[in-house]
C-alpha atoms as a PDB file:
ATOM      1  CA  MET A   1      21.971-107.788 -32.173  1.00  0.00           C
ATOM      2  CA  ALA A   2      22.272-105.926 -28.885  1.00  0.00           C
ATOM      3  CA  THR A   3      21.031-102.642 -30.325  1.00  0.00           C
ATOM      4  CA  GLY A   4      17.880-104.168 -31.783  1.00  0.00           C
ATOM      5  CA  LEU A   5      17.153-106.011 -28.558  1.00  0.00           C
ATOM      6  CA  LEU A   6      17.711-102.825 -26.595  1.00  0.00           C
ATOM      7  CA  ILE A   7      15.203-101.014 -28.808  1.00  0.00           C
ATOM      8  CA  ILE A   8      12.635-103.764 -28.183  1.00  0.00           C
ATOM      9  CA  CYS A   9      13.204-103.530 -24.427  1.00  0.00           C
ATOM     10  CA  LEU A  10      13.029 -99.723 -24.437  1.00  0.00           C
ATOM     11  CA  VAL A  11       9.704 -99.735 -26.287  1.00  0.00           C
ATOM     12  CA  ALA A  12       8.316-102.147 -23.691  1.00  0.00           C
ATOM     13  CA  PHE A  13       9.640-100.047 -20.816  1.00  0.00           C
ATOM     14  CA  LEU A  14       8.240 -96.908 -22.437  1.00  0.00           C
ATOM     15  CA  ALA A  15       4.804 -98.541 -22.299  1.00  0.00           C
ATOM     16  CA  VAL A  16       5.322 -99.462 -18.641  1.00  0.00           C
ATOM     17  CA  ALA A  17       6.579 -95.964 -17.740  1.00  0.00           C
ATOM     18  CA  GLY A  18       3.589 -94.450 -19.519  1.00  0.00           C
ATOM     19  CA  ALA A  19       1.236 -96.725 -17.601  1.00  0.00           C
ATOM     20  CA  ILE A  20       2.693 -95.742 -14.226  1.00  0.00           C
ATOM     21  CA  LEU A  21       2.530 -92.069 -15.285  1.00  0.00           C
ATOM     22  CA  ASP A  22       6.204 -91.209 -14.839  1.00  0.00           C
ATOM     23  CA  PRO A  23       6.841 -88.401 -17.350  1.00  0.00           C
ATOM     24  CA  PHE A  24      10.544 -87.956 -16.577  1.00  0.00           C
ATOM     25  CA  LEU A  25      11.304 -91.652 -16.994  1.00  0.00           C
ATOM     26  CA  SER A  26       9.210 -91.719 -20.174  1.00  0.00           C
ATOM     27  CA  LEU A  27      11.136 -88.763 -21.574  1.00  0.00           C
ATOM     28  CA  PHE A  28      14.489 -90.350 -20.712  1.00  0.00           C
ATOM     29  CA  ILE A  29      13.453 -93.631 -22.357  1.00  0.00           C
ATOM     30  CA  ALA A  30      12.215 -91.780 -25.460  1.00  0.00           C
ATOM     31  CA  ILE A  31      15.526 -89.915 -25.805  1.00  0.00           C
ATOM     32  CA  LEU A  32      17.531 -93.106 -25.342  1.00  0.00           C
ATOM     33  CA  LEU A  33      15.254 -94.885 -27.810  1.00  0.00           C
ATOM     34  CA  GLY A  34      15.777 -92.175 -30.426  1.00  0.00           C
ATOM     35  CA  SER A  35      19.550 -92.219 -30.076  1.00  0.00           C
ATOM     36  CA  THR A  36      19.615 -96.012 -30.240  1.00  0.00           C
ATOM     37  CA  LEU A  37      17.443 -95.991 -33.363  1.00  0.00           C
ATOM     38  CA  ALA A  38      19.832 -93.500 -34.971  1.00  0.00           C
ATOM     39  CA  PHE A  39      22.784 -95.758 -34.099  1.00  0.00           C
ATOM     40  CA  LEU A  40      20.996 -98.766 -35.614  1.00  0.00           C
ATOM     41  CA  TYR A  41      20.060 -96.808 -38.756  1.00  0.00           C
ATOM     42  CA  PHE A  42      23.699 -96.106 -39.529  1.00  0.00           C
ATOM     43  CA  ASN A  43      24.880 -99.537 -38.424  1.00  0.00           C
ATOM     44  CA  ILE A  44      22.720-102.031 -40.309  1.00  0.00           C
ATOM     45  CA  TYR A  45      24.399-105.299 -41.355  1.00  0.00           C
ATOM     46  CA  LYS A  46      27.348-105.486 -41.901  1.00  0.00           C
ATOM     47  CA  ALA A  47      28.289-103.408 -38.863  1.00  0.00           C
ATOM     48  CA  ARG A  48      30.663-100.524 -39.412  1.00  0.00           C
ATOM     49  CA  LEU A  49      30.713 -99.424 -35.780  1.00  0.00           C
ATOM     50  CA  TRP A  50      31.134-101.801 -32.869  1.00  0.00           C
ATOM     51  CA  LEU A  51      29.245-101.086 -29.679  1.00  0.00           C
ATOM     52  CA  GLY A  52      31.953-102.783 -27.642  1.00  0.00           C
ATOM     53  CA  ASP A  53      31.966-103.584 -23.955  1.00  0.00           C
ATOM     54  CA  VAL A  54      31.827 -99.963 -22.833  1.00  0.00           C
ATOM     55  CA  GLY A  55      28.663 -99.306 -24.805  1.00  0.00           C
ATOM     56  CA  ALA A  56      27.027-102.656 -24.168  1.00  0.00           C
ATOM     57  CA  LEU A  57      27.703-102.696 -20.431  1.00  0.00           C
ATOM     58  CA  SER A  58      26.635 -99.083 -19.922  1.00  0.00           C
ATOM     59  CA  LEU A  59      23.439 -99.559 -21.932  1.00  0.00           C
ATOM     60  CA  GLY A  60      22.762-102.783 -20.026  1.00  0.00           C
ATOM     61  CA  ALA A  61      23.164-100.921 -16.746  1.00  0.00           C
ATOM     62  CA  VAL A  62      20.810 -98.184 -17.954  1.00  0.00           C
ATOM     63  CA  LEU A  63      18.293-100.835 -18.972  1.00  0.00           C
ATOM     64  CA  ALA A  64      18.506-102.439 -15.524  1.00  0.00           C
ATOM     65  CA  VAL A  65      18.064 -99.084 -13.778  1.00  0.00           C
ATOM     66  CA  ILE A  66      15.051 -98.274 -15.957  1.00  0.00           C
ATOM     67  CA  GLY A  67      13.586-101.651 -15.056  1.00  0.00           C
ATOM     68  CA  LEU A  68      14.144-101.050 -11.356  1.00  0.00           C
ATOM     69  CA  LEU A  69      12.665 -97.539 -11.549  1.00  0.00           C
ATOM     70  CA  THR A  70       9.444 -98.983 -12.950  1.00  0.00           C
ATOM     71  CA  GLY A  71       9.140-101.091  -9.789  1.00  0.00           C
ATOM     72  CA  LYS A  72       8.370-104.335 -11.604  1.00  0.00           C
ATOM     73  CA  PRO A  73      11.247-106.812 -11.126  1.00  0.00           C
ATOM     74  CA  LEU A  74       9.739-109.933 -12.748  1.00  0.00           C
ATOM     75  CA  PRO A  75       8.776-108.200 -16.017  1.00  0.00           C
ATOM     76  CA  VAL A  76      12.310-106.756 -16.160  1.00  0.00           C
ATOM     77  CA  ALA A  77      13.750-110.274 -16.357  1.00  0.00           C
ATOM     78  CA  LEU A  78      11.220-111.263 -19.017  1.00  0.00           C
ATOM     79  CA  ILE A  79      11.492-108.123 -21.136  1.00  0.00           C
ATOM     80  CA  GLY A  80      15.275-108.485 -21.193  1.00  0.00           C
ATOM     81  CA  GLY A  81      15.000-112.267 -21.481  1.00  0.00           C
ATOM     82  CA  VAL A  82      17.382-112.658 -24.421  1.00  0.00           C
ATOM     83  CA  PHE A  83      20.060-110.826 -22.450  1.00  0.00           C
ATOM     84  CA  VAL A  84      19.374-113.176 -19.523  1.00  0.00           C
ATOM     85  CA  ILE A  85      19.750-116.200 -21.822  1.00  0.00           C
ATOM     86  CA  GLU A  86      23.040-114.856 -23.215  1.00  0.00           C
ATOM     87  CA  ILE A  87      24.445-114.185 -19.745  1.00  0.00           C
ATOM     88  CA  GLY A  88      23.124-117.520 -18.472  1.00  0.00           C
ATOM     89  CA  SER A  89      24.835-119.464 -21.240  1.00  0.00           C
ATOM     90  CA  SER A  90      28.151-117.803 -20.427  1.00  0.00           C
ATOM     91  CA  LEU A  91      27.671-118.370 -16.708  1.00  0.00           C
ATOM     92  CA  LEU A  92      26.864-122.056 -17.213  1.00  0.00           C
ATOM     93  CA  GLN A  93      29.955-122.424 -19.386  1.00  0.00           C
ATOM     94  CA  ILE A  94      32.174-120.818 -16.740  1.00  0.00           C
ATOM     95  CA  LEU A  95      30.699-122.868 -13.893  1.00  0.00           C
ATOM     96  CA  SER A  96      30.949-126.092 -15.887  1.00  0.00           C
ATOM     97  CA  ARG A  97      34.611-125.498 -16.710  1.00  0.00           C
ATOM     98  CA  THR A  98      35.407-124.455 -13.140  1.00  0.00           C
ATOM     99  CA  PHE A  99      33.739-127.317 -11.297  1.00  0.00           C
ATOM    100  CA  PHE A 100      33.658-130.172 -13.827  1.00  0.00           C
ATOM    101  CA  SER A 101      36.518-129.262 -16.197  1.00  0.00           C
ATOM    102  CA  LYS A 102      34.122-129.807 -19.117  1.00  0.00           C
ATOM    103  CA  ARG A 103      32.417-127.472 -21.520  1.00  0.00           C
ATOM    104  CA  ILE A 104      28.668-127.488 -22.034  1.00  0.00           C
ATOM    105  CA  LEU A 105      28.922-125.709 -25.380  1.00  0.00           C
ATOM    106  CA  PRO A 106      31.953-125.435 -27.669  1.00  0.00           C
ATOM    107  CA  VAL A 107      31.746-121.629 -27.358  1.00  0.00           C
ATOM    108  CA  ALA A 108      29.749-119.204 -25.272  1.00  0.00           C
ATOM    109  CA  PRO A 109      27.596-117.072 -25.295  1.00  0.00           C
ATOM    110  CA  ILE A 110      24.934-118.995 -27.122  1.00  0.00           C
ATOM    111  CA  HIS A 111      24.799-116.784 -30.226  1.00  0.00           C
ATOM    112  CA  LEU A 112      28.449-117.638 -30.937  1.00  0.00           C
ATOM    113  CA  TYR A 113      27.538-121.313 -30.639  1.00  0.00           C
ATOM    114  CA  PHE A 114      24.921-120.854 -33.366  1.00  0.00           C
ATOM    115  CA  LEU A 115      27.514-119.030 -35.471  1.00  0.00           C
ATOM    116  CA  ALA A 116      29.928-121.954 -35.004  1.00  0.00           C
ATOM    117  CA  ARG A 117      27.166-124.379 -36.042  1.00  0.00           C
ATOM    118  CA  GLY A 118      26.968-122.640 -39.418  1.00  0.00           C
ATOM    119  CA  TRP A 119      24.089-120.216 -38.955  1.00  0.00           C
ATOM    120  CA  GLU A 120      24.545-116.917 -40.746  1.00  0.00           C
ATOM    121  CA  GLU A 121      24.772-113.774 -38.645  1.00  0.00           C
ATOM    122  CA  PRO A 122      21.545-112.144 -39.962  1.00  0.00           C
ATOM    123  CA  LYS A 123      19.625-115.341 -39.177  1.00  0.00           C
ATOM    124  CA  ILE A 124      20.879-115.330 -35.580  1.00  0.00           C
ATOM    125  CA  VAL A 125      20.076-111.639 -35.156  1.00  0.00           C
ATOM    126  CA  MET A 126      16.552-111.901 -36.578  1.00  0.00           C
ATOM    127  CA  ARG A 127      15.743-114.935 -34.431  1.00  0.00           C
ATOM    128  CA  ALA A 128      17.067-113.148 -31.339  1.00  0.00           C
ATOM    129  CA  TRP A 129      14.944-110.100 -32.159  1.00  0.00           C
ATOM    130  CA  LEU A 130      11.882-112.303 -32.673  1.00  0.00           C
ATOM    131  CA  LEU A 131      12.452-114.000 -29.324  1.00  0.00           C
ATOM    132  CA  GLY A 132      12.987-110.550 -27.789  1.00  0.00           C
ATOM    133  CA  VAL A 133       9.622-109.332 -29.094  1.00  0.00           C
ATOM    134  CA  VAL A 134       7.828-112.410 -27.762  1.00  0.00           C
ATOM    135  CA  LEU A 135       9.476-112.115 -24.335  1.00  0.00           C
ATOM    136  CA  ALA A 136       8.770-108.359 -24.228  1.00  0.00           C
ATOM    137  CA  LEU A 137       5.086-109.001 -24.934  1.00  0.00           C
ATOM    138  CA  VAL A 138       4.939-111.629 -22.189  1.00  0.00           C
ATOM    139  CA  GLY A 139       6.734-109.236 -19.828  1.00  0.00           C
ATOM    140  CA  LEU A 140       4.268-106.459 -20.670  1.00  0.00           C
ATOM    141  CA  TYR A 141       1.365-108.813 -20.052  1.00  0.00           C
ATOM    142  CA  ILE A 142       2.727-109.674 -16.598  1.00  0.00           C
ATOM    143  CA  ALA A 143       3.538-106.017 -15.854  1.00  0.00           C
ATOM    144  CA  PHE A 144      -0.047-104.971 -16.527  1.00  0.00           C
ATOM    145  CA  LEU A 145      -1.711-107.722 -14.489  1.00  0.00           C
END
């Protein structure tokens, strides 16, 4: 799920970097996009390689830095909106357990909640990618205003 969402975000940021005429950032994004596409090609469902925390956190940091280098903070939050929702669901769960000793969801992050409700993994991934595309388009619209 994370790899597909990262590809969606990178394509959106490639458009933004091209619009602000930053060739070095565009080249970096294109290289990262190509390597991520290669990873996804060899790791289609059912995953044989796990990205893990080291990969996910480092790619998330790179995505945040790319967003900051474009100089458009609000579109960054929208383009990476699914990641924000995932982090927000975990944060709400932690805060709820800390301050109220109650859980909001049986499990967090939210995609694990859907898995616990009986949704199949490909269904969750495709819906997350669809939401990612919609949020990336909205973020691009705001970035180009």
